[in-house]
Amino acid sequence: MDLSRAMTWARTRQHAALITIRRDGRPQSSDITYAIDGGDFLISVTESRAKTTNMRRDPRVVLHLSDPSAWSYLSFDGTVELSPVTTSSTDETSNQLVSYFETVTGSAHPDWDEYRQAMINEARLIARFKPSSVVGQLN
């Protein structure tokens, strides 16, 4: 499967399953919402979740997108880079989370101060997934 064609299809969606690797080697999947920045997928995660712990230990992940109504799916292989946890309403991660929100929702938040504080309270960060290959079927 051509990565460029796959990214074009992925841009028309926002939901996927993120598959990370547990300490014992078994896969762990999480339903996520993503935004696309250039050729990368951006995913908002919290510091305390299993997927974040798994990605810190082993950055290799799979992002699986599907459209059962069209019998279509893509599984992207790649690695993830984690931003620092946001700790200030003016840090770079906070700014990235604002951009992520606007991209995913297509609109501005009604109260950015409230949003930024919620991201700090939740210990949020951005996982930047860089796909290196893809397999799948598009119909």
C-alpha atoms as a PDB file:
ATOM      1  CA  MET A   1       0.000   0.000   0.000  1.00  0.00           C
ATOM      2  CA  ASP A   2       1.259   3.449  -0.911  1.00  0.00           C
ATOM      3  CA  LEU A   3       1.832   5.610   2.200  1.00  0.00           C
ATOM      4  CA  SER A   4       0.730   8.790   0.399  1.00  0.00           C
ATOM      5  CA  ARG A   5      -2.593   7.257  -0.656  1.00  0.00           C
ATOM      6  CA  ALA A   6      -3.104   5.888   2.858  1.00  0.00           C
ATOM      7  CA  MET A   7      -2.485   9.306   4.433  1.00  0.00           C
ATOM      8  CA  THR A   8      -5.025  10.881   2.062  1.00  0.00           C
ATOM      9  CA  TRP A   9      -7.643   8.383   3.290  1.00  0.00           C
ATOM     10  CA  ALA A  10      -6.607   8.860   6.942  1.00  0.00           C
ATOM     11  CA  ARG A  11      -7.120  12.636   6.621  1.00  0.00           C
ATOM     12  CA  THR A  12     -10.843  12.004   6.110  1.00  0.00           C
ATOM     13  CA  ARG A  13     -11.132  10.294   9.502  1.00  0.00           C
ATOM     14  CA  GLN A  14     -10.291  10.984  13.163  1.00  0.00           C
ATOM     15  CA  HIS A  15     -10.687   7.698  15.050  1.00  0.00           C
ATOM     16  CA  ALA A  16      -8.354   4.727  15.271  1.00  0.00           C
ATOM     17  CA  ALA A  17      -7.024   2.030  17.544  1.00  0.00           C
ATOM     18  CA  LEU A  18      -3.529   2.664  18.894  1.00  0.00           C
ATOM     19  CA  ILE A  19      -1.659  -0.579  19.551  1.00  0.00           C
ATOM     20  CA  THR A  20       1.307  -0.431  21.910  1.00  0.00           C
ATOM     21  CA  ILE A  21       3.522  -3.162  23.334  1.00  0.00           C
ATOM     22  CA  ARG A  22       3.178  -4.227  26.964  1.00  0.00           C
ATOM     23  CA  ARG A  23       6.226  -5.093  29.047  1.00  0.00           C
ATOM     24  CA  ASP A  24       5.588  -8.819  28.468  1.00  0.00           C
ATOM     25  CA  GLY A  25       5.343  -8.313  24.684  1.00  0.00           C
ATOM     26  CA  ARG A  26       1.580  -8.629  24.356  1.00  0.00           C
ATOM     27  CA  PRO A  27      -0.263  -5.906  22.413  1.00  0.00           C
ATOM     28  CA  GLN A  28      -2.422  -3.352  24.222  1.00  0.00           C
ATOM     29  CA  SER A  29      -4.999  -1.397  22.213  1.00  0.00           C
ATOM     30  CA  SER A  30      -6.696   1.915  22.933  1.00  0.00           C
ATOM     31  CA  ASP A  31      -9.363   3.729  20.969  1.00  0.00           C
ATOM     32  CA  ILE A  32      -8.091   7.229  20.192  1.00  0.00           C
ATOM     33  CA  THR A  33      -8.891  10.388  18.269  1.00  0.00           C
ATOM     34  CA  TYR A  34      -6.140  11.832  16.117  1.00  0.00           C
ATOM     35  CA  ALA A  35      -5.198  14.904  14.144  1.00  0.00           C
ATOM     36  CA  ILE A  36      -2.766  14.925  11.243  1.00  0.00           C
ATOM     37  CA  ASP A  37       0.144  17.356  11.078  1.00  0.00           C
ATOM     38  CA  GLY A  38       1.987  17.037   7.778  1.00  0.00           C
ATOM     39  CA  GLY A  39       2.807  13.341   7.581  1.00  0.00           C
ATOM     40  CA  ASP A  40       2.441  12.656  11.326  1.00  0.00           C
ATOM     41  CA  PHE A  41      -0.511  11.671  13.498  1.00  0.00           C
ATOM     42  CA  LEU A  42      -0.993  13.647  16.722  1.00  0.00           C
ATOM     43  CA  ILE A  43      -2.696  11.979  19.666  1.00  0.00           C
ATOM     44  CA  SER A  44      -3.552  13.571  23.015  1.00  0.00           C
ATOM     45  CA  VAL A  45      -2.715  11.197  25.890  1.00  0.00           C
ATOM     46  CA  THR A  46      -2.360  11.373  29.666  1.00  0.00           C
ATOM     47  CA  GLU A  47       0.795  10.590  31.585  1.00  0.00           C
ATOM     48  CA  SER A  48      -0.832   7.925  33.791  1.00  0.00           C
ATOM     49  CA  ARG A  49      -2.296   5.673  31.076  1.00  0.00           C
ATOM     50  CA  ALA A  50      -0.930   2.268  30.137  1.00  0.00           C
ATOM     51  CA  LYS A  51      -0.474   3.311  26.501  1.00  0.00           C
ATOM     52  CA  THR A  52       1.784   6.196  27.571  1.00  0.00           C
ATOM     53  CA  THR A  53       3.855   3.936  29.822  1.00  0.00           C
ATOM     54  CA  ASN A  54       4.151   1.417  26.974  1.00  0.00           C
ATOM     55  CA  MET A  55       5.222   4.093  24.464  1.00  0.00           C
ATOM     56  CA  ARG A  56       7.847   5.477  26.859  1.00  0.00           C
ATOM     57  CA  ARG A  57       9.373   2.010  27.134  1.00  0.00           C
ATOM     58  CA  ASP A  58       8.997   1.029  23.471  1.00  0.00           C
ATOM     59  CA  PRO A  59       8.112   3.690  20.881  1.00  0.00           C
ATOM     60  CA  ARG A  60       7.088   1.148  18.218  1.00  0.00           C
ATOM     61  CA  VAL A  61       3.328   1.293  17.666  1.00  0.00           C
ATOM     62  CA  VAL A  62       0.617   0.438  15.158  1.00  0.00           C
ATOM     63  CA  LEU A  63      -2.239   2.783  14.349  1.00  0.00           C
ATOM     64  CA  HIS A  64      -5.202   0.860  12.942  1.00  0.00           C
ATOM     65  CA  LEU A  65      -7.986   2.697  11.079  1.00  0.00           C
ATOM     66  CA  SER A  66     -11.070   0.982   9.755  1.00  0.00           C
ATOM     67  CA  ASP A  67     -14.292   1.669   7.923  1.00  0.00           C
ATOM     68  CA  PRO A  68     -16.372  -1.517   8.246  1.00  0.00           C
ATOM     69  CA  SER A  69     -19.147  -0.144   6.027  1.00  0.00           C
ATOM     70  CA  ALA A  70     -16.700   0.027   3.103  1.00  0.00           C
ATOM     71  CA  TRP A  71     -14.682  -3.068   4.015  1.00  0.00           C
ATOM     72  CA  SER A  72     -11.628  -0.812   4.276  1.00  0.00           C
ATOM     73  CA  TYR A  73      -8.805  -0.679   6.798  1.00  0.00           C
ATOM     74  CA  LEU A  74      -5.245   0.557   7.203  1.00  0.00           C
ATOM     75  CA  SER A  75      -2.588  -0.452   9.719  1.00  0.00           C
ATOM     76  CA  PHE A  76       0.251   2.042   9.965  1.00  0.00           C
ATOM     77  CA  ASP A  77       3.553   0.899  11.506  1.00  0.00           C
ATOM     78  CA  GLY A  78       5.910   3.452  12.964  1.00  0.00           C
ATOM     79  CA  THR A  79       7.334   5.078  16.043  1.00  0.00           C
ATOM     80  CA  VAL A  80       6.076   7.690  18.428  1.00  0.00           C
ATOM     81  CA  GLU A  81       7.730  10.683  20.067  1.00  0.00           C
ATOM     82  CA  LEU A  82       6.220  11.994  23.301  1.00  0.00           C
ATOM     83  CA  SER A  83       6.156  15.666  24.197  1.00  0.00           C
ATOM     84  CA  PRO A  84       6.740  16.785  27.773  1.00  0.00           C
ATOM     85  CA  VAL A  85       3.649  16.796  29.996  1.00  0.00           C
ATOM     86  CA  THR A  86       2.043  20.229  30.023  1.00  0.00           C
ATOM     87  CA  THR A  87       2.673  22.009  33.323  1.00  0.00           C
ATOM     88  CA  SER A  88       1.978  25.624  32.361  1.00  0.00           C
ATOM     89  CA  SER A  89      -0.680  27.328  30.285  1.00  0.00           C
ATOM     90  CA  THR A  90       2.109  28.937  28.265  1.00  0.00           C
ATOM     91  CA  ASP A  91       4.377  25.943  27.587  1.00  0.00           C
ATOM     92  CA  GLU A  92       4.830  24.425  24.134  1.00  0.00           C
ATOM     93  CA  THR A  93       2.814  21.298  24.964  1.00  0.00           C
ATOM     94  CA  SER A  94      -0.141  23.448  26.035  1.00  0.00           C
ATOM     95  CA  ASN A  95       0.068  25.274  22.702  1.00  0.00           C
ATOM     96  CA  GLN A  96       0.197  21.949  20.832  1.00  0.00           C
ATOM     97  CA  LEU A  97      -2.883  20.738  22.726  1.00  0.00           C
ATOM     98  CA  VAL A  98      -4.761  23.893  21.695  1.00  0.00           C
ATOM     99  CA  SER A  99      -3.863  23.275  18.054  1.00  0.00           C
ATOM    100  CA  TYR A 100      -4.849  19.602  18.420  1.00  0.00           C
ATOM    101  CA  PHE A 101      -8.247  20.588  19.862  1.00  0.00           C
ATOM    102  CA  GLU A 102      -8.947  23.021  17.034  1.00  0.00           C
ATOM    103  CA  THR A 103      -7.960  20.476  14.385  1.00  0.00           C
ATOM    104  CA  VAL A 104     -10.040  17.653  15.862  1.00  0.00           C
ATOM    105  CA  THR A 105     -13.153  19.720  16.628  1.00  0.00           C
ATOM    106  CA  GLY A 106     -12.887  22.209  13.783  1.00  0.00           C
ATOM    107  CA  SER A 107     -13.576  25.076  16.167  1.00  0.00           C
ATOM    108  CA  ALA A 108     -12.177  27.108  19.045  1.00  0.00           C
ATOM    109  CA  HIS A 109     -12.824  26.167  22.659  1.00  0.00           C
ATOM    110  CA  PRO A 110     -15.219  28.603  24.388  1.00  0.00           C
ATOM    111  CA  ASP A 111     -12.740  29.172  27.250  1.00  0.00           C
ATOM    112  CA  TRP A 112      -9.067  28.597  26.447  1.00  0.00           C
ATOM    113  CA  ASP A 113      -7.934  29.310  30.022  1.00  0.00           C
ATOM    114  CA  GLU A 114     -10.277  26.603  31.289  1.00  0.00           C
ATOM    115  CA  TYR A 115      -9.108  24.183  28.571  1.00  0.00           C
ATOM    116  CA  ARG A 116      -5.419  24.786  29.253  1.00  0.00           C
ATOM    117  CA  GLN A 117      -5.946  24.287  33.002  1.00  0.00           C
ATOM    118  CA  ALA A 118      -7.829  21.038  32.358  1.00  0.00           C
ATOM    119  CA  MET A 119      -4.903  19.781  30.247  1.00  0.00           C
ATOM    120  CA  ILE A 120      -2.523  20.563  33.136  1.00  0.00           C
ATOM    121  CA  ASN A 121      -4.836  18.884  35.668  1.00  0.00           C
ATOM    122  CA  GLU A 122      -5.062  15.765  33.482  1.00  0.00           C
ATOM    123  CA  ALA A 123      -1.263  15.682  32.917  1.00  0.00           C
ATOM    124  CA  ARG A 124      -1.746  15.636  29.142  1.00  0.00           C
ATOM    125  CA  LEU A 125       0.886  15.439  26.450  1.00  0.00           C
ATOM    126  CA  ILE A 126       1.052  14.881  22.708  1.00  0.00           C
ATOM    127  CA  ALA A 127       2.152  11.606  21.129  1.00  0.00           C
ATOM    128  CA  ARG A 128       3.513  12.289  17.635  1.00  0.00           C
ATOM    129  CA  PHE A 129       3.240   9.096  15.593  1.00  0.00           C
ATOM    130  CA  LYS A 130       5.517   8.934  12.549  1.00  0.00           C
ATOM    131  CA  PRO A 131       4.345   6.206  10.173  1.00  0.00           C
ATOM    132  CA  SER A 132       7.021   4.318   8.281  1.00  0.00           C
ATOM    133  CA  SER A 133       4.839   1.823   6.419  1.00  0.00           C
ATOM    134  CA  VAL A 134       1.226   0.821   5.954  1.00  0.00           C
ATOM    135  CA  VAL A 135      -0.746  -2.269   4.965  1.00  0.00           C
ATOM    136  CA  GLY A 136      -4.414  -2.535   4.289  1.00  0.00           C
ATOM    137  CA  GLN A 137      -7.255  -2.410   1.833  1.00  0.00           C
ATOM    138  CA  LEU A 138      -9.186   0.609   0.592  1.00  0.00           C
ATOM    139  CA  ASN A 139     -12.488   0.159  -1.232  1.00  0.00           C
END
